[in-house]
Amino acid sequence: MKIAITAKGTTLTDEIDPRFGRAPYILIVDTETMEYEALDNSVNVNAFKGAGIQAATTVADKGAQVLLTGYCGPNAFKTLEAAGMKVVNDIKGTVKETLETFIAGKTVYSSGPNAEGQW
């Protein structure tokens, strides 16, 4: 399964960035092989608006089935839902810790956004 995780850096040992659309990096991790790709999200970091929608489109295009992040706004959440993706909000720690928690089944899918837009 491919998982998208917002991060402050490009490795599994980096901290989670709580912002979805404005995170500097989004890691796409294959949970079966632990191979990953770090997507540079800098184009959205300072975007006036639409950062969440653009980031949602990017991770959906990469084949991610789940997003792990701190905060996801309403427009991004709707876009992810429309792409058939599930979202886990309120994630903290490192990417590796988050992956371990997810793989162990200790996360709960979100039923809606947990942040206002433009966060």
Protein backbone atom coordinates (compact mmCIF):
# COMPACT_ATOMS: atom_id res chain seq x y z
CA MET A 1 0.00 0.00 0.00
CA LYS A 2 1.24 3.49 -0.80
CA ILE A 3 1.01 6.04 2.00
CA ALA A 4 1.54 9.82 1.70
CA ILE A 5 3.11 11.47 4.75
CA THR A 6 3.81 15.17 5.23
CA ALA A 7 7.40 15.81 6.32
CA LYS A 8 9.87 18.56 7.14
CA GLY A 9 12.62 16.72 5.23
CA THR A 10 13.26 14.00 2.68
CA THR A 11 13.99 10.95 4.87
CA LEU A 12 12.09 8.56 7.11
CA THR A 13 13.90 9.96 10.16
CA ASP A 14 12.59 13.49 9.56
CA GLU A 15 9.78 15.01 11.62
CA ILE A 16 6.20 15.11 10.42
CA ASP A 17 5.14 18.52 9.15
CA PRO A 18 1.65 19.16 10.52
CA ARG A 19 0.53 21.09 7.44
CA PHE A 20 -0.71 19.08 4.49
CA GLY A 21 -0.85 21.52 1.60
CA ARG A 22 2.05 23.64 2.82
CA ALA A 23 4.44 20.94 4.04
CA PRO A 24 7.85 21.31 2.35
CA TYR A 25 7.90 17.60 1.48
CA ILE A 26 5.43 14.78 1.08
CA LEU A 27 6.88 11.28 1.25
CA ILE A 28 5.17 8.51 -0.71
CA VAL A 29 6.03 5.25 1.07
CA ASP A 30 5.29 1.71 -0.05
CA THR A 31 4.46 -0.07 3.23
CA GLU A 32 5.39 -3.48 1.83
CA THR A 33 8.92 -2.61 0.72
CA MET A 34 9.53 0.63 2.72
CA GLU A 35 10.82 2.20 -0.48
CA TYR A 36 9.85 5.84 -0.72
CA GLU A 37 9.91 8.92 -2.88
CA ALA A 38 10.21 12.43 -1.44
CA LEU A 39 8.06 14.91 -3.32
CA ASP A 40 9.23 18.51 -3.22
CA ASN A 41 6.12 20.51 -2.31
CA SER A 42 7.86 23.92 -2.26
CA VAL A 43 5.61 25.24 -5.02
CA ASN A 44 2.70 25.07 -2.55
CA VAL A 45 4.46 26.28 0.61
CA ASN A 46 3.82 29.96 -0.15
CA ALA A 47 0.84 29.59 -2.46
CA PHE A 48 -1.82 32.26 -2.02
CA LYS A 49 -4.58 29.64 -2.11
CA GLY A 50 -5.28 26.14 -3.37
CA ALA A 51 -2.20 24.53 -1.78
CA GLY A 52 -4.20 21.68 -0.26
CA ILE A 53 -6.06 20.90 -3.46
CA GLN A 54 -2.81 20.87 -5.46
CA ALA A 55 -1.06 18.65 -2.90
CA ALA A 56 -4.08 16.31 -2.82
CA THR A 57 -4.01 15.99 -6.60
CA THR A 58 -0.28 15.26 -6.54
CA VAL A 59 -0.47 12.46 -3.94
CA ALA A 60 -3.49 10.92 -5.67
CA ASP A 61 -1.60 10.94 -8.97
CA LYS A 62 1.27 9.11 -7.24
CA GLY A 63 -1.12 6.30 -6.27
CA ALA A 64 -1.26 6.95 -2.53
CA GLN A 65 -4.23 5.36 -0.81
CA VAL A 66 -3.86 7.03 2.59
CA LEU A 67 -2.60 10.42 3.79
CA LEU A 68 -0.98 10.74 7.22
CA THR A 69 -0.71 14.38 8.34
CA GLY A 70 -1.27 16.77 11.19
CA TYR A 71 -3.95 19.00 9.72
CA CYS A 72 -6.07 18.71 6.60
CA GLY A 73 -8.41 21.51 5.51
CA PRO A 74 -11.89 21.09 4.01
CA ASN A 75 -11.03 21.57 0.33
CA ALA A 76 -8.05 19.21 0.48
CA PHE A 77 -10.12 16.66 2.40
CA LYS A 78 -12.88 16.75 -0.25
CA THR A 79 -10.32 16.35 -3.02
CA LEU A 80 -8.70 13.38 -1.27
CA GLU A 81 -12.09 11.77 -0.65
CA ALA A 82 -13.04 12.23 -4.31
CA ALA A 83 -9.81 10.43 -5.26
CA GLY A 84 -10.76 7.51 -2.99
CA MET A 85 -8.06 8.26 -0.40
CA LYS A 86 -8.40 7.97 3.36
CA VAL A 87 -6.95 10.53 5.77
CA VAL A 88 -5.42 10.18 9.22
CA ASN A 89 -5.11 13.56 10.97
CA ASP A 90 -3.35 14.65 14.18
CA ILE A 91 -0.12 12.78 13.37
CA LYS A 92 3.08 13.74 15.26
CA GLY A 93 6.64 12.43 15.57
CA THR A 94 8.94 11.19 12.85
CA VAL A 95 7.91 9.68 9.55
CA LYS A 96 9.29 6.30 10.69
CA GLU A 97 7.37 6.39 13.99
CA THR A 98 4.20 7.34 12.15
CA LEU A 99 4.64 4.49 9.67
CA GLU A 100 5.16 1.99 12.49
CA THR A 101 2.01 3.22 14.23
CA PHE A 102 0.00 3.00 11.01
CA ILE A 103 1.29 -0.47 10.09
CA ALA A 104 0.50 -1.68 13.63
CA GLY A 105 -3.12 -0.57 13.11
CA LYS A 106 -3.00 2.05 15.83
CA THR A 107 -4.37 4.95 13.80
CA VAL A 108 -7.95 6.01 13.13
CA TYR A 109 -9.16 7.31 9.81
CA SER A 110 -10.61 10.82 9.96
CA SER A 111 -14.24 11.45 9.10
CA GLY A 112 -13.62 15.05 8.07
CA PRO A 113 -11.15 17.93 7.98
CA ASN A 114 -9.57 19.12 11.24
CA ALA A 115 -8.42 22.58 10.11
CA GLU A 116 -9.82 25.61 8.35
CA GLY A 117 -8.53 26.37 4.88
CA GLN A 118 -5.34 28.44 4.41
CA TRP A 119 -3.66 26.94 7.48
